[in-house]
Amino acid sequence: MKQLYFVRNLMLAAGVALLTACSATPDLEADAEEPRIPLPDTSEMDPRGIGYVDNDPLEGFNRRMYYFNAKADEYVLLPVVRGYEYVTPEVMQTGVNNFFTNLGEINTFMNSVLQLKGERAITTAFRFVTNSTIGILGLFDPATAMGVYREKEDFGQTLGYWGVGDGPYIVLPLLGPSSARDGFGLLVDSLVYNEVVDEMGLKTNEELAMMIIRSINARKQIPFRYYATGSAFEYELIRFLYFRARDIQIQR
């Protein structure tokens, strides 16, 4: 019992000493120096610590679409990609990717011109002409071997370059993260691409086959796997990374 009283008295004494020390402590906040590097404004930080709160008024719909995309990816898209990889020689897979990448140079050229990026437009035009001729319709990529590397621009970036804001976040069916601005940009880019394909004079079934192969190749090039980030807040994380990545792409 004496030991219990001793411990209690010791704790009381320690508490009194601590309160006395705190009351004598100077006002550190008043004496603090201004930080040399400005700290970010935390007024719009996500309370869960994921990042800045992004414009997501359709969050309920977007979360359901995100889940739908995850299941479609798991049970349809990825099995098709694995089958494609199994039956298609690697050299042919590379050629297919080069071919569609070369067609994409047309959109990059158009958007580089619209953004007044003359040097990038010239680089893209050189790549397209070189790979379409020496590279045999884009199946090979001699331009990269020459040290002329690919640039990428889309109409969403063009709109952002001229000051159009992101608009609401939206998760597109199968395509994934986007925004109102980038969704419209994707529509414009798709119309341009379809015009290019129409100029090839392909039959309807050939265009359909080309669209399917292009979709399979596009998914193959993306290493992302749903629910594999290790984050308990993957939806918020992907949304945050999407907006930050688009900001960087527009500013470069």
C-alpha atoms as a PDB file:
ATOM      1  CA  MET A   1       0.000   0.000   0.000  1.00  0.00           C
ATOM      2  CA  LYS A   2       2.844   2.362   0.832  1.00  0.00           C
ATOM      3  CA  GLN A   3       4.314   1.690  -2.612  1.00  0.00           C
ATOM      4  CA  LEU A   4       0.979   2.636  -4.222  1.00  0.00           C
ATOM      5  CA  TYR A   5       0.865   5.964  -2.333  1.00  0.00           C
ATOM      6  CA  PHE A   6       4.461   6.615  -3.307  1.00  0.00           C
ATOM      7  CA  VAL A   7       3.789   6.065  -7.024  1.00  0.00           C
ATOM      8  CA  ARG A   8       0.647   8.244  -6.892  1.00  0.00           C
ATOM      9  CA  ASN A   9       2.474  11.087  -5.162  1.00  0.00           C
ATOM     10  CA  LEU A  10       5.340  10.814  -7.636  1.00  0.00           C
ATOM     11  CA  MET A  11       2.937  11.125 -10.591  1.00  0.00           C
ATOM     12  CA  LEU A  12       1.217  14.141  -9.020  1.00  0.00           C
ATOM     13  CA  ALA A  13       4.551  15.840  -8.470  1.00  0.00           C
ATOM     14  CA  ALA A  14       5.574  15.182 -12.068  1.00  0.00           C
ATOM     15  CA  GLY A  15       2.287  16.624 -13.327  1.00  0.00           C
ATOM     16  CA  VAL A  16       2.700  19.811 -11.295  1.00  0.00           C
ATOM     17  CA  ALA A  17       6.251  20.223 -12.573  1.00  0.00           C
ATOM     18  CA  LEU A  18       5.115  19.757 -16.173  1.00  0.00           C
ATOM     19  CA  LEU A  19       2.326  22.339 -15.855  1.00  0.00           C
ATOM     20  CA  THR A  20       4.743  24.807 -14.286  1.00  0.00           C
ATOM     21  CA  ALA A  21       7.220  24.330 -17.124  1.00  0.00           C
ATOM     22  CA  CYS A  22       4.513  24.813 -19.761  1.00  0.00           C
ATOM     23  CA  SER A  23       3.311  28.038 -18.153  1.00  0.00           C
ATOM     24  CA  ALA A  24       6.846  29.374 -18.214  1.00  0.00           C
ATOM     25  CA  THR A  25       7.482  28.434 -21.832  1.00  0.00           C
ATOM     26  CA  PRO A  26       7.826  31.468 -24.145  1.00  0.00           C
ATOM     27  CA  ASP A  27       5.358  32.022 -26.999  1.00  0.00           C
ATOM     28  CA  LEU A  28       7.188  30.031 -29.672  1.00  0.00           C
ATOM     29  CA  GLU A  29       4.612  30.838 -32.350  1.00  0.00           C
ATOM     30  CA  ALA A  30       5.093  34.577 -31.853  1.00  0.00           C
ATOM     31  CA  ASP A  31       8.885  34.267 -31.958  1.00  0.00           C
ATOM     32  CA  ALA A  32       8.987  31.847 -34.914  1.00  0.00           C
ATOM     33  CA  GLU A  33      10.651  32.982 -38.122  1.00  0.00           C
ATOM     34  CA  GLU A  34       8.832  32.911 -41.432  1.00  0.00           C
ATOM     35  CA  PRO A  35       9.700  29.745 -43.375  1.00  0.00           C
ATOM     36  CA  ARG A  36      12.270  30.312 -46.096  1.00  0.00           C
ATOM     37  CA  ILE A  37      10.288  28.107 -48.474  1.00  0.00           C
ATOM     38  CA  PRO A  38       6.541  28.941 -48.614  1.00  0.00           C
ATOM     39  CA  LEU A  39       4.451  26.117 -47.234  1.00  0.00           C
ATOM     40  CA  PRO A  40       1.491  24.862 -49.311  1.00  0.00           C
ATOM     41  CA  ASP A  41      -1.977  26.125 -48.521  1.00  0.00           C
ATOM     42  CA  THR A  42      -3.650  23.289 -46.636  1.00  0.00           C
ATOM     43  CA  SER A  43      -7.146  24.784 -46.776  1.00  0.00           C
ATOM     44  CA  GLU A  44      -8.041  22.459 -49.652  1.00  0.00           C
ATOM     45  CA  MET A  45      -6.226  19.373 -48.410  1.00  0.00           C
ATOM     46  CA  ASP A  46      -8.125  16.104 -48.247  1.00  0.00           C
ATOM     47  CA  PRO A  47      -8.670  15.340 -44.530  1.00  0.00           C
ATOM     48  CA  ARG A  48      -7.570  11.756 -45.197  1.00  0.00           C
ATOM     49  CA  GLY A  49      -4.182  13.055 -46.258  1.00  0.00           C
ATOM     50  CA  ILE A  50      -4.375  11.785 -49.828  1.00  0.00           C
ATOM     51  CA  GLY A  51      -3.859  15.147 -51.466  1.00  0.00           C
ATOM     52  CA  TYR A  52      -5.713  18.187 -52.623  1.00  0.00           C
ATOM     53  CA  VAL A  53      -9.466  17.831 -52.875  1.00  0.00           C
ATOM     54  CA  ASP A  54     -10.331  17.616 -56.564  1.00  0.00           C
ATOM     55  CA  ASN A  55     -13.518  18.587 -58.375  1.00  0.00           C
ATOM     56  CA  ASP A  56     -15.586  15.409 -58.126  1.00  0.00           C
ATOM     57  CA  PRO A  57     -19.325  16.199 -57.900  1.00  0.00           C
ATOM     58  CA  LEU A  58     -20.127  12.860 -59.578  1.00  0.00           C
ATOM     59  CA  GLU A  59     -18.218  10.818 -57.008  1.00  0.00           C
ATOM     60  CA  GLY A  60     -21.027   8.309 -56.436  1.00  0.00           C
ATOM     61  CA  PHE A  61     -21.298   7.514 -60.147  1.00  0.00           C
ATOM     62  CA  ASN A  62     -17.524   7.607 -60.586  1.00  0.00           C
ATOM     63  CA  ARG A  63     -16.900   5.113 -57.791  1.00  0.00           C
ATOM     64  CA  ARG A  64     -19.386   2.664 -59.285  1.00  0.00           C
ATOM     65  CA  MET A  65     -17.831   3.106 -62.719  1.00  0.00           C
ATOM     66  CA  TYR A  66     -14.356   2.608 -61.230  1.00  0.00           C
ATOM     67  CA  TYR A  67     -15.513  -0.706 -59.753  1.00  0.00           C
ATOM     68  CA  PHE A  68     -17.139  -1.712 -63.056  1.00  0.00           C
ATOM     69  CA  ASN A  69     -13.928  -0.919 -64.929  1.00  0.00           C
ATOM     70  CA  ALA A  70     -11.910  -2.956 -62.434  1.00  0.00           C
ATOM     71  CA  LYS A  71     -14.084  -6.021 -62.979  1.00  0.00           C
ATOM     72  CA  ALA A  72     -14.195  -5.565 -66.765  1.00  0.00           C
ATOM     73  CA  ASP A  73     -10.420  -5.277 -66.726  1.00  0.00           C
ATOM     74  CA  GLU A  74     -10.010  -8.394 -64.591  1.00  0.00           C
ATOM     75  CA  TYR A  75     -12.446 -10.656 -66.421  1.00  0.00           C
ATOM     76  CA  VAL A  76     -12.402  -9.351 -70.013  1.00  0.00           C
ATOM     77  CA  LEU A  77      -9.599  -6.984 -71.008  1.00  0.00           C
ATOM     78  CA  LEU A  78      -6.617  -8.575 -69.272  1.00  0.00           C
ATOM     79  CA  PRO A  79      -7.520 -12.149 -70.342  1.00  0.00           C
ATOM     80  CA  VAL A  80      -7.796 -10.902 -73.944  1.00  0.00           C
ATOM     81  CA  VAL A  81      -4.429  -9.149 -73.632  1.00  0.00           C
ATOM     82  CA  ARG A  82      -2.823 -12.312 -72.242  1.00  0.00           C
ATOM     83  CA  GLY A  83      -4.294 -14.331 -75.116  1.00  0.00           C
ATOM     84  CA  TYR A  84      -2.968 -11.784 -77.611  1.00  0.00           C
ATOM     85  CA  GLU A  85       0.495 -11.985 -76.056  1.00  0.00           C
ATOM     86  CA  TYR A  86       0.370 -15.780 -76.138  1.00  0.00           C
ATOM     87  CA  VAL A  87      -0.501 -16.167 -79.831  1.00  0.00           C
ATOM     88  CA  THR A  88       1.367 -13.153 -81.243  1.00  0.00           C
ATOM     89  CA  PRO A  89       5.165 -13.176 -81.671  1.00  0.00           C
ATOM     90  CA  GLU A  90       6.876 -10.424 -79.706  1.00  0.00           C
ATOM     91  CA  VAL A  91       8.365  -8.835 -82.810  1.00  0.00           C
ATOM     92  CA  MET A  92       4.863  -8.562 -84.284  1.00  0.00           C
ATOM     93  CA  GLN A  93       3.528  -7.036 -81.054  1.00  0.00           C
ATOM     94  CA  THR A  94       6.244  -4.388 -81.314  1.00  0.00           C
ATOM     95  CA  GLY A  95       5.328  -3.705 -84.930  1.00  0.00           C
ATOM     96  CA  VAL A  96       1.636  -3.326 -84.066  1.00  0.00           C
ATOM     97  CA  ASN A  97       2.448  -0.862 -81.288  1.00  0.00           C
ATOM     98  CA  ASN A  98       4.760   1.095 -83.597  1.00  0.00           C
ATOM     99  CA  PHE A  99       2.031   1.257 -86.252  1.00  0.00           C
ATOM    100  CA  PHE A 100      -0.606   2.729 -83.945  1.00  0.00           C
ATOM    101  CA  THR A 101       1.911   5.031 -82.290  1.00  0.00           C
ATOM    102  CA  ASN A 102       2.815   6.372 -85.721  1.00  0.00           C
ATOM    103  CA  LEU A 103      -0.839   7.096 -86.506  1.00  0.00           C
ATOM    104  CA  GLY A 104      -1.042   8.948 -83.199  1.00  0.00           C
ATOM    105  CA  GLU A 105       1.647  11.351 -84.420  1.00  0.00           C
ATOM    106  CA  ILE A 106      -1.025  13.042 -86.550  1.00  0.00           C
ATOM    107  CA  ASN A 107      -2.988  14.096 -83.460  1.00  0.00           C
ATOM    108  CA  THR A 108       0.205  15.219 -81.752  1.00  0.00           C
ATOM    109  CA  PHE A 109       1.171  17.308 -84.783  1.00  0.00           C
ATOM    110  CA  MET A 110      -2.264  18.938 -84.948  1.00  0.00           C
ATOM    111  CA  ASN A 111      -2.289  19.802 -81.246  1.00  0.00           C
ATOM    112  CA  SER A 112       1.316  21.024 -81.302  1.00  0.00           C
ATOM    113  CA  VAL A 113       0.346  23.480 -84.047  1.00  0.00           C
ATOM    114  CA  LEU A 114      -2.745  24.580 -82.098  1.00  0.00           C
ATOM    115  CA  GLN A 115      -0.519  25.238 -79.070  1.00  0.00           C
ATOM    116  CA  LEU A 116       1.994  27.188 -81.200  1.00  0.00           C
ATOM    117  CA  LYS A 117       4.731  24.690 -80.331  1.00  0.00           C
ATOM    118  CA  GLY A 118       6.595  24.928 -83.613  1.00  0.00           C
ATOM    119  CA  GLU A 119       9.640  22.863 -82.681  1.00  0.00           C
ATOM    120  CA  ARG A 120       7.492  20.043 -81.347  1.00  0.00           C
ATOM    121  CA  ALA A 121       5.329  20.116 -84.484  1.00  0.00           C
ATOM    122  CA  ILE A 122       8.420  19.862 -86.713  1.00  0.00           C
ATOM    123  CA  THR A 123       9.811  16.988 -84.642  1.00  0.00           C
ATOM    124  CA  THR A 124       6.503  15.137 -84.842  1.00  0.00           C
ATOM    125  CA  ALA A 125       6.185  15.684 -88.595  1.00  0.00           C
ATOM    126  CA  PHE A 126       9.732  14.382 -89.100  1.00  0.00           C
ATOM    127  CA  ARG A 127       8.969  11.290 -87.049  1.00  0.00           C
ATOM    128  CA  PHE A 128       5.771  10.580 -88.970  1.00  0.00           C
ATOM    129  CA  VAL A 129       7.350  10.958 -92.406  1.00  0.00           C
ATOM    130  CA  THR A 130      10.453   8.964 -91.440  1.00  0.00           C
ATOM    131  CA  ASN A 131       8.590   6.100 -89.802  1.00  0.00           C
ATOM    132  CA  SER A 132       5.930   5.988 -92.536  1.00  0.00           C
ATOM    133  CA  THR A 133       8.570   5.620 -95.263  1.00  0.00           C
ATOM    134  CA  ILE A 134      11.817   4.159 -93.950  1.00  0.00           C
ATOM    135  CA  GLY A 135       9.869   2.465 -91.157  1.00  0.00           C
ATOM    136  CA  ILE A 136       7.466   0.791 -93.634  1.00  0.00           C
ATOM    137  CA  LEU A 137       4.099   2.352 -92.733  1.00  0.00           C
ATOM    138  CA  GLY A 138       5.177   2.816 -89.136  1.00  0.00           C
ATOM    139  CA  LEU A 139       5.878  -0.842 -88.368  1.00  0.00           C
ATOM    140  CA  PHE A 140       9.422   0.164 -87.404  1.00  0.00           C
ATOM    141  CA  ASP A 141      10.661   3.220 -85.528  1.00  0.00           C
ATOM    142  CA  PRO A 142      13.882   4.456 -87.161  1.00  0.00           C
ATOM    143  CA  ALA A 143      13.204   8.012 -85.930  1.00  0.00           C
ATOM    144  CA  THR A 144      13.816   6.978 -82.325  1.00  0.00           C
ATOM    145  CA  ALA A 145      16.981   5.170 -83.411  1.00  0.00           C
ATOM    146  CA  MET A 146      18.112   8.505 -84.889  1.00  0.00           C
ATOM    147  CA  GLY A 147      17.576  10.199 -81.525  1.00  0.00           C
ATOM    148  CA  VAL A 148      14.318  11.924 -82.515  1.00  0.00           C
ATOM    149  CA  TYR A 149      12.034  10.967 -79.662  1.00  0.00           C
ATOM    150  CA  ARG A 150       8.272  10.950 -79.540  1.00  0.00           C
ATOM    151  CA  GLU A 151       6.286  13.843 -78.124  1.00  0.00           C
ATOM    152  CA  LYS A 152       2.645  13.489 -77.151  1.00  0.00           C
ATOM    153  CA  GLU A 153      -0.056  16.126 -77.263  1.00  0.00           C
ATOM    154  CA  ASP A 154      -3.833  15.778 -77.222  1.00  0.00           C
ATOM    155  CA  PHE A 155      -6.758  18.157 -77.566  1.00  0.00           C
ATOM    156  CA  GLY A 156      -7.394  18.135 -73.824  1.00  0.00           C
ATOM    157  CA  GLN A 157      -3.870  19.502 -73.366  1.00  0.00           C
ATOM    158  CA  THR A 158      -4.551  22.075 -76.074  1.00  0.00           C
ATOM    159  CA  LEU A 159      -7.641  23.302 -74.236  1.00  0.00           C
ATOM    160  CA  GLY A 160      -5.675  23.421 -70.992  1.00  0.00           C
ATOM    161  CA  TYR A 161      -2.864  25.320 -72.708  1.00  0.00           C
ATOM    162  CA  TRP A 162      -5.348  28.045 -73.661  1.00  0.00           C
ATOM    163  CA  GLY A 163      -6.731  28.292 -70.146  1.00  0.00           C
ATOM    164  CA  VAL A 164      -9.697  25.920 -70.124  1.00  0.00           C
ATOM    165  CA  GLY A 165     -10.061  24.380 -66.665  1.00  0.00           C
ATOM    166  CA  ASP A 166     -10.320  20.662 -65.932  1.00  0.00           C
ATOM    167  CA  GLY A 167     -13.996  20.713 -65.089  1.00  0.00           C
ATOM    168  CA  PRO A 168     -15.547  17.891 -63.062  1.00  0.00           C
ATOM    169  CA  TYR A 169     -13.673  14.617 -62.687  1.00  0.00           C
ATOM    170  CA  ILE A 170     -15.296  11.697 -64.481  1.00  0.00           C
ATOM    171  CA  VAL A 171     -14.457   8.010 -64.767  1.00  0.00           C
ATOM    172  CA  LEU A 172     -15.242   6.897 -68.319  1.00  0.00           C
ATOM    173  CA  PRO A 173     -16.472   3.357 -69.042  1.00  0.00           C
ATOM    174  CA  LEU A 174     -13.438   1.136 -69.766  1.00  0.00           C
ATOM    175  CA  LEU A 175     -11.239   4.192 -70.444  1.00  0.00           C
ATOM    176  CA  GLY A 176     -10.875   5.232 -66.813  1.00  0.00           C
ATOM    177  CA  PRO A 177      -9.974   8.615 -65.267  1.00  0.00           C
ATOM    178  CA  SER A 178     -10.811  11.768 -67.203  1.00  0.00           C
ATOM    179  CA  SER A 179     -12.425  15.170 -66.777  1.00  0.00           C
ATOM    180  CA  ALA A 180     -15.058  17.189 -68.610  1.00  0.00           C
ATOM    181  CA  ARG A 181     -12.340  19.009 -70.559  1.00  0.00           C
ATOM    182  CA  ASP A 182     -10.299  15.908 -71.338  1.00  0.00           C
ATOM    183  CA  GLY A 183     -13.387  13.882 -72.222  1.00  0.00           C
ATOM    184  CA  PHE A 184     -14.295  16.472 -74.850  1.00  0.00           C
ATOM    185  CA  GLY A 185     -10.673  16.491 -75.994  1.00  0.00           C
ATOM    186  CA  LEU A 186     -10.763  12.713 -76.359  1.00  0.00           C
ATOM    187  CA  LEU A 187     -13.857  13.031 -78.555  1.00  0.00           C
ATOM    188  CA  VAL A 188     -12.117  15.533 -80.855  1.00  0.00           C
ATOM    189  CA  ASP A 189      -8.965  13.408 -81.075  1.00  0.00           C
ATOM    190  CA  SER A 190     -11.075  10.342 -81.870  1.00  0.00           C
ATOM    191  CA  LEU A 191     -12.848  12.173 -84.697  1.00  0.00           C
ATOM    192  CA  VAL A 192      -9.488  13.190 -86.181  1.00  0.00           C
ATOM    193  CA  TYR A 193      -8.181   9.628 -85.862  1.00  0.00           C
ATOM    194  CA  ASN A 194     -11.303   8.217 -87.529  1.00  0.00           C
ATOM    195  CA  GLU A 195     -10.867  10.635 -90.437  1.00  0.00           C
ATOM    196  CA  VAL A 196      -7.308   9.357 -90.874  1.00  0.00           C
ATOM    197  CA  VAL A 197      -8.511   5.744 -90.847  1.00  0.00           C
ATOM    198  CA  ASP A 198     -11.264   6.561 -93.359  1.00  0.00           C
ATOM    199  CA  GLU A 199      -8.616   7.908 -95.731  1.00  0.00           C
ATOM    200  CA  MET A 200      -7.020   4.439 -95.763  1.00  0.00           C
ATOM    201  CA  GLY A 201      -9.990   3.127 -97.731  1.00  0.00           C
ATOM    202  CA  LEU A 202     -10.551   0.148 -95.440  1.00  0.00           C
ATOM    203  CA  LYS A 203     -13.733  -1.902 -95.483  1.00  0.00           C
ATOM    204  CA  THR A 204     -16.051  -1.822 -92.475  1.00  0.00           C
ATOM    205  CA  ASN A 205     -14.928  -5.210 -91.132  1.00  0.00           C
ATOM    206  CA  GLU A 206     -11.284  -4.204 -91.578  1.00  0.00           C
ATOM    207  CA  GLU A 207     -11.856  -0.985 -89.642  1.00  0.00           C
ATOM    208  CA  LEU A 208     -13.553  -2.990 -86.884  1.00  0.00           C
ATOM    209  CA  ALA A 209     -10.627  -5.418 -86.689  1.00  0.00           C
ATOM    210  CA  MET A 210      -8.229  -2.486 -86.601  1.00  0.00           C
ATOM    211  CA  MET A 211     -10.192  -0.884 -83.744  1.00  0.00           C
ATOM    212  CA  ILE A 212     -10.137  -4.111 -81.713  1.00  0.00           C
ATOM    213  CA  ILE A 213      -6.399  -4.635 -82.204  1.00  0.00           C
ATOM    214  CA  ARG A 214      -5.735  -1.015 -81.325  1.00  0.00           C
ATOM    215  CA  SER A 215      -7.734  -1.374 -78.085  1.00  0.00           C
ATOM    216  CA  ILE A 216      -5.892  -4.556 -77.107  1.00  0.00           C
ATOM    217  CA  ASN A 217      -2.538  -2.950 -77.839  1.00  0.00           C
ATOM    218  CA  ALA A 218      -3.469   0.173 -75.866  1.00  0.00           C
ATOM    219  CA  ARG A 219      -4.330  -1.881 -72.762  1.00  0.00           C
ATOM    220  CA  LYS A 220      -1.164  -3.923 -73.155  1.00  0.00           C
ATOM    221  CA  GLN A 221       0.976  -0.778 -72.948  1.00  0.00           C
ATOM    222  CA  ILE A 222      -0.510   0.303 -69.598  1.00  0.00           C
ATOM    223  CA  PRO A 223       1.118  -1.398 -66.577  1.00  0.00           C
ATOM    224  CA  PHE A 224      -1.582  -0.225 -64.138  1.00  0.00           C
ATOM    225  CA  ARG A 225      -3.622  -2.903 -62.380  1.00  0.00           C
ATOM    226  CA  TYR A 226      -6.735  -2.080 -60.374  1.00  0.00           C
ATOM    227  CA  TYR A 227      -6.517  -2.490 -56.595  1.00  0.00           C
ATOM    228  CA  ALA A 228      -2.795  -3.197 -56.769  1.00  0.00           C
ATOM    229  CA  THR A 229      -1.552   0.151 -55.441  1.00  0.00           C
ATOM    230  CA  GLY A 230      -1.529  -0.975 -51.816  1.00  0.00           C
ATOM    231  CA  SER A 231      -3.550   2.098 -50.854  1.00  0.00           C
ATOM    232  CA  ALA A 232      -6.745   1.905 -48.815  1.00  0.00           C
ATOM    233  CA  PHE A 233      -7.873   5.007 -50.727  1.00  0.00           C
ATOM    234  CA  GLU A 234      -7.010   3.939 -54.271  1.00  0.00           C
ATOM    235  CA  TYR A 235      -9.904   5.853 -55.834  1.00  0.00           C
ATOM    236  CA  GLU A 236      -8.754   9.131 -54.250  1.00  0.00           C
ATOM    237  CA  LEU A 237      -5.120   8.373 -55.037  1.00  0.00           C
ATOM    238  CA  ILE A 238      -5.780   7.733 -58.738  1.00  0.00           C
ATOM    239  CA  ARG A 239      -7.926  10.867 -58.975  1.00  0.00           C
ATOM    240  CA  PHE A 240      -5.191  12.941 -57.340  1.00  0.00           C
ATOM    241  CA  LEU A 241      -2.455  11.505 -59.596  1.00  0.00           C
ATOM    242  CA  TYR A 242      -4.593  12.009 -62.702  1.00  0.00           C
ATOM    243  CA  PHE A 243      -5.086  15.723 -62.121  1.00  0.00           C
ATOM    244  CA  ARG A 244      -1.457  16.299 -61.122  1.00  0.00           C
ATOM    245  CA  ALA A 245      -0.183  14.386 -64.183  1.00  0.00           C
ATOM    246  CA  ARG A 246      -2.400  16.419 -66.507  1.00  0.00           C
ATOM    247  CA  ASP A 247      -1.157  19.652 -64.933  1.00  0.00           C
ATOM    248  CA  ILE A 248       2.432  18.597 -65.646  1.00  0.00           C
ATOM    249  CA  GLN A 249       1.642  17.554 -69.227  1.00  0.00           C
ATOM    250  CA  ILE A 250      -0.031  20.877 -69.977  1.00  0.00           C
ATOM    251  CA  GLN A 251       2.776  22.955 -68.454  1.00  0.00           C
ATOM    252  CA  ARG A 252       5.682  21.220 -70.180  1.00  0.00           C
END
